[in-house]
Amino acid sequence: MVKGKVVYCVESMDQENTIKKLGGIGIITSTDLQSDLADTTLILGTTVSSKDGMNIDRYISSSKKPEVSISKTRDVRVLAPFVASFSASGPQSISPNIFKVQSCLFILALLYHYLLTLRHILHHPRIVLCFLCLNPGIQPDILAPGLGILAGYSKIPSVTGDPTDTRHSIFKILSGTSMACPHAVATAAYVKSMHMDWSPAAVRSALMTTATPVKVENRLDELSIGSGQINPVRASDPGLVYDIGMKSYISLLCYEGHNDTMIGLLIGGKTKFSCSSLKSAHGVDGINYPSLHIQLKNTSKVSGVFFRTVTNVGSSKSVYTATVMPPQGLNVEVIPRKLTFDRPGQKQSFKVIVKGAIKNSRKKSEVVTGSIAWSDSKHVVRSPMLIYVGR
């Protein structure tokens, strides 16, 4: 029944190998999952939507001799950038008011400790890359190109990975984190090469605060975009950075309730560690992060304070003014609204007070977004703000 025919399948279940063994010459698969993901098929093949699949099914059922032709791949124009359908998103429950999972913060603190111990390694650009790629967080910091990338490929496996496939190539269209990460890695290396004395947190801040905002149709998709699309050129000159040191990471662990013994084992050292020896973390999230996030459960009332410190990495003298785009239904106050810097490396602190109530969140989960941007005559340092109400 299959020999010499093109087989229509509902959903992809790796049927290609079986169809090929039975003498089939092609496959049509219908699915609404990951419709933006390109793939290399073992035999002639294509994927259609479930709606189109139903039409194909009706045609097959109503025709005595159904015929099909699969055309050559062609280019189509789509709105870009957009978030891939399979991209991970929030919210997350481990450290709810930070765009990270808590385990990542443990790793960051530990690696930072060793980087401080091996100071000479800090001058190697690739060290920074670890901090960007170790983010398994469900909410990303930034977006980078990772869909349909023409990438280098090994000639050892076949283009499909199937042992019966005789096709080999040094290039292949690939998608996923393994494609997006090299773009983020290269951008971090580019920024680090211009600022060898910057910490990993400063590099991350530069990437986040200079990213290009991305528009989404569904509000919940805001949990997938982070600060926006990565912008290498702007990231090299961010104006201000949100820096984070070793003690700040450890204070966060104390702030989140981890005991002295666990933290002591993590950071090492001969002396017994105590959270009381560190300055307490404050605010909603307890860390100097480049983005602002509050996660609520079964309530529409919002009340929180963020404490932030920025470091001048731009001109010797500059004045930055805050521009606030508050989330819908909320009042956002930045104190002070102006920051004056007299020299590079100078730090200035401010706080952000968020109050109000989110509408239409009594029966379903809701997301509202806004931003705070510090600007002088040259730079715009943007921090996204996201409030999530879960049900």
Foldseek 3Di string as FASTA:
>chain_A
DAADEEEEEEDDDPCQVVSVVVHHQHYEYEDPAQPQADDDGLHHYDYYYVVVSVVVVVQVVPDPDDDDDDDDDDDDDDDDDDDGRPFFFDDDDQQRWDQAHLVLLLVVLLLQLVCVVVVVCLLPLQSLLCNQLSGPGRFHQAWFDFHQDWDFDDQPAALRNDPVRPHGDRTDGGGDPVRRSVRVSVLSSLLCVLPSPDDSQQLSLLQQQQADADDDDDQRCVRHGNSYHGDSVSSNAAQKGFDDHSLQSLLQCVVSPDAQVVSCVSSDDDDRGDNVVGDHFDWDRRHQHLAGEAEAEQFFWDWIKDKHKMFGQHDQWWKKFKDWWDWPFKDKDKPPRMDIHRGGGDMDMIMIIITGGDPPPNPAKDKTKIWMWIDTPPHTGIYIYMYIYHD
